[in-house]
């Protein structure tokens, strides 16, 4: 079984910073794209940042220049560094990874989600 565990959320004042981490565990063959999503109360879940297996990154317009996504392939971990946080960044943040499992003669690629971590930015 694969499990994604997130950490790093919390309460911070406007202009502050937080660093989220998400680590995958299990019998993993490889990990492709890694993403961070967020969902605020009453809103749909939205894509915040993406990093491909090759290291290419993309961001939602609302976080460009403030958030940085990175990955450590040796640790099966993705990070989200969030600077200059604003009250509108308040949400539950979720990581998602495209993970390939193998049983030797077969391979299966599926998306896996973390449990979510709360980020609250006070004004």
Protein backbone atom coordinates (compact mmCIF):
# COMPACT_ATOMS: atom_id res chain seq x y z
CA UNK A 1 0.00 0.00 0.00
CA UNK A 2 1.07 3.57 -0.66
CA UNK A 3 0.64 6.34 1.85
CA UNK A 4 1.27 10.07 1.47
CA UNK A 5 1.92 11.98 4.69
CA UNK A 6 1.87 15.76 4.76
CA UNK A 7 3.30 18.13 7.32
CA UNK A 8 4.14 21.80 7.79
CA UNK A 9 0.77 23.48 7.93
CA UNK A 10 -0.22 25.90 10.65
CA UNK A 11 -1.22 29.43 11.56
CA UNK A 12 0.83 32.34 10.25
CA UNK A 13 0.38 36.10 9.96
CA UNK A 14 0.02 37.92 6.67
CA UNK A 15 3.41 38.19 5.00
CA UNK A 16 4.75 35.13 6.75
CA UNK A 17 6.07 31.88 5.33
CA UNK A 18 5.41 28.17 5.64
CA UNK A 19 6.99 25.10 4.08
CA UNK A 20 4.80 22.10 3.40
CA UNK A 21 6.20 18.60 2.93
CA UNK A 22 4.63 15.44 1.56
CA UNK A 23 6.39 12.08 1.68
CA UNK A 24 5.29 8.88 0.00
CA UNK A 25 5.90 5.47 1.50
CA UNK A 26 5.31 1.95 0.28
CA UNK A 27 6.62 -0.32 -2.42
CA UNK A 28 7.08 2.36 -5.06
CA UNK A 29 8.65 1.79 -8.45
CA UNK A 30 8.70 5.42 -9.56
CA UNK A 31 6.92 8.72 -9.10
CA UNK A 32 5.94 10.98 -11.96
CA UNK A 33 4.25 14.32 -11.60
CA UNK A 34 3.76 15.76 -8.12
CA UNK A 35 1.15 18.44 -7.38
CA UNK A 36 -0.11 20.63 -4.60
CA UNK A 37 -3.82 21.48 -4.47
CA UNK A 38 -5.82 23.53 -2.00
CA UNK A 39 -9.44 23.80 -0.98
CA UNK A 40 -10.95 26.67 0.95
CA UNK A 41 -14.36 26.34 2.64
CA UNK A 42 -17.14 26.60 0.08
CA UNK A 43 -14.71 26.42 -2.83
CA UNK A 44 -13.68 23.69 -5.21
CA UNK A 45 -10.27 22.12 -4.91
CA UNK A 46 -7.80 24.04 -7.08
CA UNK A 47 -4.39 23.20 -8.48
CA UNK A 48 -1.69 25.36 -6.92
CA UNK A 49 1.61 24.01 -8.28
CA UNK A 50 3.02 21.14 -10.32
CA UNK A 51 6.46 19.63 -10.75
CA UNK A 52 7.18 16.96 -13.34
CA UNK A 53 9.61 14.07 -13.01
CA UNK A 54 12.03 16.14 -15.07
CA UNK A 55 11.79 19.10 -12.73
CA UNK A 56 9.60 21.41 -14.79
CA UNK A 57 7.30 23.53 -12.68
CA UNK A 58 4.08 25.46 -13.15
CA UNK A 59 1.96 27.59 -10.83
CA UNK A 60 -1.49 29.05 -10.48
CA UNK A 61 -1.47 32.76 -11.30
CA UNK A 62 -2.55 33.57 -7.75
CA UNK A 63 0.67 32.16 -6.26
CA UNK A 64 3.28 32.91 -8.94
CA UNK A 65 6.30 34.64 -7.49
CA UNK A 66 5.34 33.68 -3.93
CA UNK A 67 5.24 29.86 -3.88
CA UNK A 68 7.97 27.43 -4.93
CA UNK A 69 7.46 23.72 -5.52
CA UNK A 70 10.41 21.34 -5.36
CA UNK A 71 11.04 17.62 -5.01
CA UNK A 72 13.59 15.24 -3.56
CA UNK A 73 13.39 12.05 -5.58
CA UNK A 74 15.69 10.15 -3.22
CA UNK A 75 13.22 10.80 -0.40
CA UNK A 76 9.99 10.49 -2.46
CA UNK A 77 9.09 13.92 -1.14
CA UNK A 78 7.58 17.07 -2.57
CA UNK A 79 7.78 20.49 -0.92
CA UNK A 80 5.85 23.72 -1.20
CA UNK A 81 7.59 26.83 0.09
CA UNK A 82 5.02 29.57 0.59
CA UNK A 83 6.25 33.14 1.07
CA UNK A 84 4.40 36.41 1.51
CA UNK A 85 1.27 34.57 2.56
CA UNK A 86 -2.08 36.29 2.30
CA UNK A 87 -5.42 35.61 4.03
CA UNK A 88 -6.80 34.31 0.73
CA UNK A 89 -4.20 31.53 0.86
CA UNK A 90 -6.08 30.04 3.82
CA UNK A 91 -7.15 26.52 2.87
CA UNK A 92 -6.50 22.84 3.35
CA UNK A 93 -3.53 21.91 1.20
CA UNK A 94 -3.28 18.48 -0.41
CA UNK A 95 -0.40 16.81 -2.21
CA UNK A 96 -0.95 14.43 -5.09
CA UNK A 97 1.54 12.11 -6.75
CA UNK A 98 1.35 9.90 -9.83
CA UNK A 99 2.93 6.71 -8.53
CA UNK A 100 3.94 3.60 -10.39
CA UNK A 101 3.75 0.33 -8.48
CA UNK A 102 5.12 -2.96 -9.71
CA UNK A 103 4.62 -6.60 -8.90
CA UNK A 104 7.50 -7.71 -11.07
CA UNK A 105 5.50 -8.71 -14.12
CA UNK A 106 3.06 -5.82 -14.01
CA UNK A 107 3.12 -2.08 -13.56
CA UNK A 108 0.28 0.18 -12.43
CA UNK A 109 0.25 3.98 -12.52
CA UNK A 110 -2.28 5.66 -10.22
CA UNK A 111 -2.79 9.02 -8.49
CA UNK A 112 -2.43 9.11 -4.71
CA UNK A 113 -3.50 11.91 -2.37
CA UNK A 114 -2.28 13.11 0.99
CA UNK A 115 -4.64 13.62 3.92
CA UNK A 116 -4.45 17.41 3.77
CA UNK A 117 -2.86 19.97 6.04
CA UNK A 118 -4.51 23.20 7.22
CA UNK A 119 -2.90 26.52 6.40
CA UNK A 120 -4.43 29.58 8.06
CA UNK A 121 -3.21 33.10 7.36
CA UNK A 122 -4.40 35.77 9.75
CA UNK A 123 -4.79 39.40 8.73
